PDB file of N, CA and C in Angstrom:
ATOM      1  N   MET A   1     -15.950  11.826  82.002  1.00  0.00           N
ATOM      2  CA  MET A   1     -15.134  12.437  81.158  1.00  0.00           C
ATOM      3  C   MET A   1     -14.993  12.134  79.611  1.00  0.00           C
ATOM      4  N   GLN A   2     -15.210  10.831  79.511  1.00  0.00           N
ATOM      5  CA  GLN A   2     -15.143  10.456  78.286  1.00  0.00           C
ATOM      6  C   GLN A   2     -15.726  10.855  77.095  1.00  0.00           C
ATOM      7  N   GLY A   3     -15.696  11.208  76.095  1.00  0.00           N
ATOM      8  CA  GLY A   3     -16.277  11.717  74.920  1.00  0.00           C
ATOM      9  C   GLY A   3     -16.097  13.135  74.728  1.00  0.00           C
ATOM     10  N   VAL A   4     -15.039  13.714  75.557  1.00  0.00           N
ATOM     11  CA  VAL A   4     -14.976  15.092  75.450  1.00  0.00           C
ATOM     12  C   VAL A   4     -13.410  15.623  74.951  1.00  0.00           C
ATOM     13  N   GLY A   5     -12.896  14.458  74.413  1.00  0.00           N
ATOM     14  CA  GLY A   5     -11.088  14.597  74.152  1.00  0.00           C
ATOM     15  C   GLY A   5     -10.192  14.704  75.258  1.00  0.00           C
ATOM     16  N   TYR A   6     -10.883  14.288  76.278  1.00  0.00           N
ATOM     17  CA  TYR A   6      -9.813  14.271  77.369  1.00  0.00           C
ATOM     18  C   TYR A   6      -8.543  13.628  77.212  1.00  0.00           C
ATOM     19  N   ARG A   7      -8.552  12.267  76.654  1.00  0.00           N
ATOM     20  CA  ARG A   7      -7.431  11.658  76.435  1.00  0.00           C
ATOM     21  C   ARG A   7      -6.276  12.353  75.586  1.00  0.00           C
ATOM     22  N   TYR A   8      -6.916  12.697  74.509  1.00  0.00           N
ATOM     23  CA  TYR A   8      -5.902  13.705  73.490  1.00  0.00           C
ATOM     24  C   TYR A   8      -5.631  15.155  74.041  1.00  0.00           C
ATOM     25  N   PHE A   9      -6.159  15.527  74.915  1.00  0.00           N
ATOM     26  CA  PHE A   9      -5.867  16.783  75.674  1.00  0.00           C
ATOM     27  C   PHE A   9      -4.764  16.328  76.696  1.00  0.00           C
ATOM     28  N   ALA A  10      -4.962  15.169  77.191  1.00  0.00           N
ATOM     29  CA  ALA A  10      -3.961  14.675  78.235  1.00  0.00           C
ATOM     30  C   ALA A  10      -2.664  14.386  77.324  1.00  0.00           C
ATOM     31  N   MET A  11      -2.655  13.736  76.162  1.00  0.00           N
ATOM     32  CA  MET A  11      -1.714  13.390  75.427  1.00  0.00           C
ATOM     33  C   MET A  11      -0.858  14.682  74.769  1.00  0.00           C
ATOM     34  N   ARG A  12      -1.815  15.573  74.556  1.00  0.00           N
ATOM     35  CA  ARG A  12      -0.906  17.152  74.127  1.00  0.00           C
ATOM     36  C   ARG A  12      -0.201  17.609  75.182  1.00  0.00           C
ATOM     37  N   SER A  13      -0.973  17.606  76.190  1.00  0.00           N
ATOM     38  CA  SER A  13      -0.272  18.524  77.426  1.00  0.00           C
ATOM     39  C   SER A  13       0.924  17.398  77.886  1.00  0.00           C
ATOM     40  N   ALA A  14       1.081  16.236  77.874  1.00  0.00           N
ATOM     41  CA  ALA A  14       1.939  15.735  78.288  1.00  0.00           C
ATOM     42  C   ALA A  14       3.334  15.434  77.479  1.00  0.00           C
ATOM     43  N   GLU A  15       2.918  15.644  75.979  1.00  0.00           N
ATOM     44  CA  GLU A  15       4.052  16.047  74.769  1.00  0.00           C
ATOM     45  C   GLU A  15       4.529  17.422  75.116  1.00  0.00           C
ATOM     46  N   ALA A  16       3.994  18.344  75.582  1.00  0.00           N
ATOM     47  CA  ALA A  16       4.340  19.466  75.605  1.00  0.00           C
ATOM     48  C   ALA A  16       5.237  19.781  76.650  1.00  0.00           C
ATOM     49  N   LEU A  17       4.949  19.136  77.606  1.00  0.00           N
ATOM     50  CA  LEU A  17       5.832  19.115  79.021  1.00  0.00           C
ATOM     51  C   LEU A  17       6.998  17.981  79.157  1.00  0.00           C
ATOM     52  N   GLY A  18       7.102  17.143  77.893  1.00  0.00           N
ATOM     53  CA  GLY A  18       7.876  16.089  78.083  1.00  0.00           C
ATOM     54  C   GLY A  18       7.662  14.995  79.054  1.00  0.00           C
ATOM     55  N   VAL A  19       6.494  14.588  79.323  1.00  0.00           N
ATOM     56  CA  VAL A  19       6.202  13.570  80.080  1.00  0.00           C
ATOM     57  C   VAL A  19       5.802  12.572  79.286  1.00  0.00           C
ATOM     58  N   ALA A  20       6.617  11.007  79.720  1.00  0.00           N
ATOM     59  CA  ALA A  20       6.239  10.058  79.313  1.00  0.00           C
ATOM     60  C   ALA A  20       5.246   9.231  79.626  1.00  0.00           C
ATOM     61  N   GLY A  21       4.512   8.297  79.430  1.00  0.00           N
ATOM     62  CA  GLY A  21       3.358   7.374  80.077  1.00  0.00           C
ATOM     63  C   GLY A  21       2.474   7.118  78.928  1.00  0.00           C
ATOM     64  N   PHE A  22       1.000   7.012  79.700  1.00  0.00           N
ATOM     65  CA  PHE A  22       0.043   7.089  78.442  1.00  0.00           C
ATOM     66  C   PHE A  22      -1.604   7.435  79.279  1.00  0.00           C
ATOM     67  N   VAL A  23      -2.545   7.233  78.631  1.00  0.00           N
ATOM     68  CA  VAL A  23      -3.994   7.652  79.160  1.00  0.00           C
ATOM     69  C   VAL A  23      -4.790   6.634  78.264  1.00  0.00           C
ATOM     70  N   ARG A  24      -5.679   6.340  79.037  1.00  0.00           N
ATOM     71  CA  ARG A  24      -6.619   5.087  78.434  1.00  0.00           C
ATOM     72  C   ARG A  24      -8.070   5.391  79.375  1.00  0.00           C
ATOM     73  N   ASN A  25      -9.070   5.131  78.897  1.00  0.00           N
ATOM     74  CA  ASN A  25     -10.249   4.791  79.333  1.00  0.00           C
ATOM     75  C   ASN A  25     -10.521   3.555  80.308  1.00  0.00           C
ATOM     76  N   LEU A  26     -11.071   3.718  81.149  1.00  0.00           N
ATOM     77  CA  LEU A  26     -11.294   2.383  81.953  1.00  0.00           C
ATOM     78  C   LEU A  26     -12.842   2.163  81.847  1.00  0.00           C
ATOM     79  N   VAL A  27     -13.197   0.867  82.092  1.00  0.00           N
ATOM     80  CA  VAL A  27     -14.696   0.545  81.835  1.00  0.00           C
ATOM     81  C   VAL A  27     -15.622   1.114  82.722  1.00  0.00           C
ATOM     82  N   ASP A  28     -15.115   1.475  83.877  1.00  0.00           N
ATOM     83  CA  ASP A  28     -16.344   2.195  84.644  1.00  0.00           C
ATOM     84  C   ASP A  28     -16.591   3.634  84.492  1.00  0.00           C
ATOM     85  N   GLY A  29     -15.814   4.093  83.308  1.00  0.00           N
ATOM     86  CA  GLY A  29     -15.903   5.580  82.798  1.00  0.00           C
ATOM     87  C   GLY A  29     -14.765   6.408  83.334  1.00  0.00           C
ATOM     88  N   ARG A  30     -14.047   6.344  84.103  1.00  0.00           N
ATOM     89  CA  ARG A  30     -12.916   6.987  84.400  1.00  0.00           C
ATOM     90  C   ARG A  30     -11.831   6.824  83.726  1.00  0.00           C
ATOM     91  N   VAL A  31     -10.934   7.760  83.671  1.00  0.00           N
ATOM     92  CA  VAL A  31      -9.864   7.978  82.784  1.00  0.00           C
ATOM     93  C   VAL A  31      -8.623   7.615  83.564  1.00  0.00           C
ATOM     94  N   GLU A  32      -7.534   6.593  83.090  1.00  0.00           N
ATOM     95  CA  GLU A  32      -6.511   6.690  83.854  1.00  0.00           C
ATOM     96  C   GLU A  32      -5.259   7.343  82.954  1.00  0.00           C
ATOM     97  N   VAL A  33      -4.386   7.842  84.030  1.00  0.00           N
ATOM     98  CA  VAL A  33      -3.220   8.494  83.307  1.00  0.00           C
ATOM     99  C   VAL A  33      -2.148   8.300  84.165  1.00  0.00           C
ATOM    100  N   VAL A  34      -1.023   7.703  83.345  1.00  0.00           N
ATOM    101  CA  VAL A  34       0.251   7.330  83.888  1.00  0.00           C
ATOM    102  C   VAL A  34       1.386   8.042  83.589  1.00  0.00           C
ATOM    103  N   GLY A  35       1.903   8.994  84.083  1.00  0.00           N
ATOM    104  CA  GLY A  35       3.171   9.828  83.817  1.00  0.00           C
ATOM    105  C   GLY A  35       4.286   9.716  84.423  1.00  0.00           C
ATOM    106  N   GLU A  36       5.541  10.025  83.674  1.00  0.00           N
ATOM    107  CA  GLU A  36       6.813   9.706  83.946  1.00  0.00           C
ATOM    108  C   GLU A  36       7.558  11.044  83.616  1.00  0.00           C
ATOM    109  N   GLY A  37       8.305  11.410  84.836  1.00  0.00           N
ATOM    110  CA  GLY A  37       8.925  12.929  84.588  1.00  0.00           C
ATOM    111  C   GLY A  37       9.315  13.454  85.892  1.00  0.00           C
ATOM    112  N   PRO A  38      10.184  14.387  86.107  1.00  0.00           N
ATOM    113  CA  PRO A  38      10.522  15.155  87.064  1.00  0.00           C
ATOM    114  C   PRO A  38       9.456  15.723  87.816  1.00  0.00           C
ATOM    115  N   GLU A  39       9.460  15.609  89.337  1.00  0.00           N
ATOM    116  CA  GLU A  39       8.223  16.047  90.226  1.00  0.00           C
ATOM    117  C   GLU A  39       7.646  17.259  89.746  1.00  0.00           C
ATOM    118  N   GLU A  40       8.375  18.179  89.439  1.00  0.00           N
ATOM    119  CA  GLU A  40       7.982  19.818  89.089  1.00  0.00           C
ATOM    120  C   GLU A  40       7.333  19.661  87.649  1.00  0.00           C
ATOM    121  N   VAL A  41       7.657  18.903  86.838  1.00  0.00           N
ATOM    122  CA  VAL A  41       7.024  18.548  85.431  1.00  0.00           C
ATOM    123  C   VAL A  41       5.622  18.110  85.861  1.00  0.00           C
ATOM    124  N   LEU A  42       5.667  16.900  86.492  1.00  0.00           N
ATOM    125  CA  LEU A  42       4.450  16.098  86.915  1.00  0.00           C
ATOM    126  C   LEU A  42       3.430  17.249  87.714  1.00  0.00           C
ATOM    127  N   ALA A  43       3.832  17.814  88.754  1.00  0.00           N
ATOM    128  CA  ALA A  43       3.113  18.873  89.362  1.00  0.00           C
ATOM    129  C   ALA A  43       2.072  19.779  88.176  1.00  0.00           C
ATOM    130  N   GLU A  44       2.918  20.456  87.138  1.00  0.00           N
ATOM    131  CA  GLU A  44       2.338  21.345  86.346  1.00  0.00           C
ATOM    132  C   GLU A  44       1.455  20.236  85.149  1.00  0.00           C
ATOM    133  N   PHE A  45       1.950  19.013  84.973  1.00  0.00           N
ATOM    134  CA  PHE A  45       0.787  18.342  84.052  1.00  0.00           C
ATOM    135  C   PHE A  45      -0.118  17.826  84.986  1.00  0.00           C
ATOM    136  N   GLU A  46      -0.205  17.455  86.507  1.00  0.00           N
ATOM    137  CA  GLU A  46      -1.490  17.558  87.240  1.00  0.00           C
ATOM    138  C   GLU A  46      -2.355  18.472  87.013  1.00  0.00           C
ATOM    139  N   GLN A  47      -1.846  19.904  87.029  1.00  0.00           N
ATOM    140  CA  GLN A  47      -2.881  20.960  87.122  1.00  0.00           C
ATOM    141  C   GLN A  47      -3.261  21.021  85.739  1.00  0.00           C
ATOM    142  N   LYS A  48      -2.841  20.933  84.707  1.00  0.00           N
ATOM    143  CA  LYS A  48      -3.572  20.712  83.583  1.00  0.00           C
ATOM    144  C   LYS A  48      -4.675  19.400  83.394  1.00  0.00           C
ATOM    145  N   LEU A  49      -4.462  18.652  83.752  1.00  0.00           N
ATOM    146  CA  LEU A  49      -5.305  17.369  83.763  1.00  0.00           C
ATOM    147  C   LEU A  49      -6.642  17.872  84.968  1.00  0.00           C
ATOM    148  N   ARG A  50      -6.341  18.711  85.915  1.00  0.00           N
ATOM    149  CA  ARG A  50      -7.509  19.082  86.700  1.00  0.00           C
ATOM    150  C   ARG A  50      -8.406  20.141  85.772  1.00  0.00           C
ATOM    151  N   GLN A  51      -7.533  20.760  84.869  1.00  0.00           N
ATOM    152  CA  GLN A  51      -8.607  21.747  84.222  1.00  0.00           C
ATOM    153  C   GLN A  51      -9.012  21.147  83.011  1.00  0.00           C
ATOM    154  N   GLY A  52      -8.174  20.124  82.279  1.00  0.00           N
ATOM    155  CA  GLY A  52      -9.166  19.401  81.093  1.00  0.00           C
ATOM    156  C   GLY A  52      -9.359  20.199  80.254  1.00  0.00           C
ATOM    157  N   PRO A  53     -10.120  19.793  78.950  1.00  0.00           N
ATOM    158  CA  PRO A  53     -10.502  20.468  77.883  1.00  0.00           C
ATOM    159  C   PRO A  53     -11.555  21.303  78.134  1.00  0.00           C
ATOM    160  N   ALA A  54     -11.812  22.120  77.097  1.00  0.00           N
ATOM    161  CA  ALA A  54     -12.930  22.967  77.366  1.00  0.00           C
ATOM    162  C   ALA A  54     -14.137  22.353  77.705  1.00  0.00           C
ATOM    163  N   PHE A  55     -14.415  21.387  77.448  1.00  0.00           N
ATOM    164  CA  PHE A  55     -16.019  20.843  77.336  1.00  0.00           C
ATOM    165  C   PHE A  55     -16.199  19.737  78.487  1.00  0.00           C
ATOM    166  N   ALA A  56     -14.740  19.374  79.261  1.00  0.00           N
ATOM    167  CA  ALA A  56     -14.786  18.475  80.371  1.00  0.00           C
ATOM    168  C   ALA A  56     -14.942  18.996  81.558  1.00  0.00           C
ATOM    169  N   ALA A  57     -15.836  18.110  82.403  1.00  0.00           N
ATOM    170  CA  ALA A  57     -16.156  18.584  83.725  1.00  0.00           C
ATOM    171  C   ALA A  57     -15.088  17.357  84.872  1.00  0.00           C
ATOM    172  N   VAL A  58     -14.097  17.802  85.075  1.00  0.00           N
ATOM    173  CA  VAL A  58     -13.112  16.936  85.845  1.00  0.00           C
ATOM    174  C   VAL A  58     -13.670  17.035  87.239  1.00  0.00           C
ATOM    175  N   GLU A  59     -14.069  15.762  87.542  1.00  0.00           N
ATOM    176  CA  GLU A  59     -14.603  15.887  89.304  1.00  0.00           C
ATOM    177  C   GLU A  59     -13.552  15.663  90.240  1.00  0.00           C
ATOM    178  N   SER A  60     -12.368  14.708  89.859  1.00  0.00           N
ATOM    179  CA  SER A  60     -11.506  14.505  91.020  1.00  0.00           C
ATOM    180  C   SER A  60     -10.228  14.086  90.132  1.00  0.00           C
ATOM    181  N   ILE A  61      -9.230  14.032  91.002  1.00  0.00           N
ATOM    182  CA  ILE A  61      -7.975  13.244  90.407  1.00  0.00           C
ATOM    183  C   ILE A  61      -7.121  12.790  91.576  1.00  0.00           C
ATOM    184  N   GLU A  62      -6.841  11.579  91.490  1.00  0.00           N
ATOM    185  CA  GLU A  62      -6.450  10.569  92.508  1.00  0.00           C
ATOM    186  C   GLU A  62      -4.901  10.738  92.234  1.00  0.00           C
ATOM    187  N   ARG A  63      -3.984  10.891  93.046  1.00  0.00           N
ATOM    188  CA  ARG A  63      -2.629  10.833  92.469  1.00  0.00           C
ATOM    189  C   ARG A  63      -2.000   9.809  93.590  1.00  0.00           C
ATOM    190  N   THR A  64      -1.247   8.786  92.648  1.00  0.00           N
ATOM    191  CA  THR A  64      -0.398   7.779  93.467  1.00  0.00           C
ATOM    192  C   THR A  64       0.968   7.793  92.778  1.00  0.00           C
ATOM    193  N   SER A  65       1.839   7.351  93.742  1.00  0.00           N
ATOM    194  CA  SER A  65       3.186   7.040  93.417  1.00  0.00           C
ATOM    195  C   SER A  65       3.263   5.340  92.662  1.00  0.00           C
ATOM    196  N   VAL A  66       3.722   5.272  91.433  1.00  0.00           N
ATOM    197  CA  VAL A  66       4.048   3.984  91.186  1.00  0.00           C
ATOM    198  C   VAL A  66       5.492   3.592  90.861  1.00  0.00           C
ATOM    199  N   GLU A  67       5.839   2.483  90.632  1.00  0.00           N
ATOM    200  CA  GLU A  67       7.385   2.271  90.143  1.00  0.00           C
ATOM    201  C   GLU A  67       7.513   2.725  88.724  1.00  0.00           C
ATOM    202  N   ARG A  68       8.516   3.493  88.246  1.00  0.00           N
ATOM    203  CA  ARG A  68       9.102   4.041  87.138  1.00  0.00           C
ATOM    204  C   ARG A  68       9.155   2.611  86.223  1.00  0.00           C
ATOM    205  N   ARG A  69       8.260   3.110  85.022  1.00  0.00           N
ATOM    206  CA  ARG A  69       8.164   2.180  83.887  1.00  0.00           C
ATOM    207  C   ARG A  69       9.206   2.107  82.952  1.00  0.00           C
ATOM    208  N   GLY A  70       9.716   3.274  82.663  1.00  0.00           N
ATOM    209  CA  GLY A  70      10.701   3.441  81.817  1.00  0.00           C
ATOM    210  C   GLY A  70      10.172   3.696  80.327  1.00  0.00           C
ATOM    211  N   ASP A  71       8.973   4.230  80.306  1.00  0.00           N
ATOM    212  CA  ASP A  71       8.135   4.615  78.994  1.00  0.00           C
ATOM    213  C   ASP A  71       8.914   5.740  78.490  1.00  0.00           C
ATOM    214  N   ARG A  72       8.511   5.607  77.069  1.00  0.00           N
ATOM    215  CA  ARG A  72       9.193   6.598  76.215  1.00  0.00           C
ATOM    216  C   ARG A  72       8.175   7.155  75.161  1.00  0.00           C
ATOM    217  N   GLY A  73       7.874   8.595  75.503  1.00  0.00           N
ATOM    218  CA  GLY A  73       6.892   9.154  74.631  1.00  0.00           C
ATOM    219  C   GLY A  73       5.918   9.081  75.218  1.00  0.00           C
ATOM    220  N   PHE A  74       4.642   9.370  75.028  1.00  0.00           N
ATOM    221  CA  PHE A  74       3.130   9.547  75.669  1.00  0.00           C
ATOM    222  C   PHE A  74       2.127   8.820  74.417  1.00  0.00           C
ATOM    223  N   GLN A  75       1.411   8.035  75.076  1.00  0.00           N
ATOM    224  CA  GLN A  75       0.243   7.089  74.165  1.00  0.00           C
ATOM    225  C   GLN A  75      -1.116   7.163  74.671  1.00  0.00           C
ATOM    226  N   VAL A  76      -2.111   7.111  73.631  1.00  0.00           N
ATOM    227  CA  VAL A  76      -3.156   7.052  73.953  1.00  0.00           C
ATOM    228  C   VAL A  76      -3.625   5.611  73.641  1.00  0.00           C
ATOM    229  N   ARG A  77      -4.339   4.973  74.656  1.00  0.00           N
ATOM    230  CA  ARG A  77      -4.418   3.458  74.428  1.00  0.00           C
ATOM    231  C   ARG A  77      -6.041   3.438  74.292  1.00  0.00           C
TER     232      ARG A  77
END
């Protein structure tokens, strides 16, 4: 996924939906996204992440629950 604008796509999608958190590249080539918000908003965010930007090839998404971090806004790291 890296190199196709996925992180900035994730950031724009999160901001449009009011999701807080961050997105970052991992050393193994995967992209990690952490988002906070109401469940219905996170479900919509996940759908957008599954689609990705025009040139992305999203192979899979693994969703896990984590303790709320209290993030404000959404960052690309």
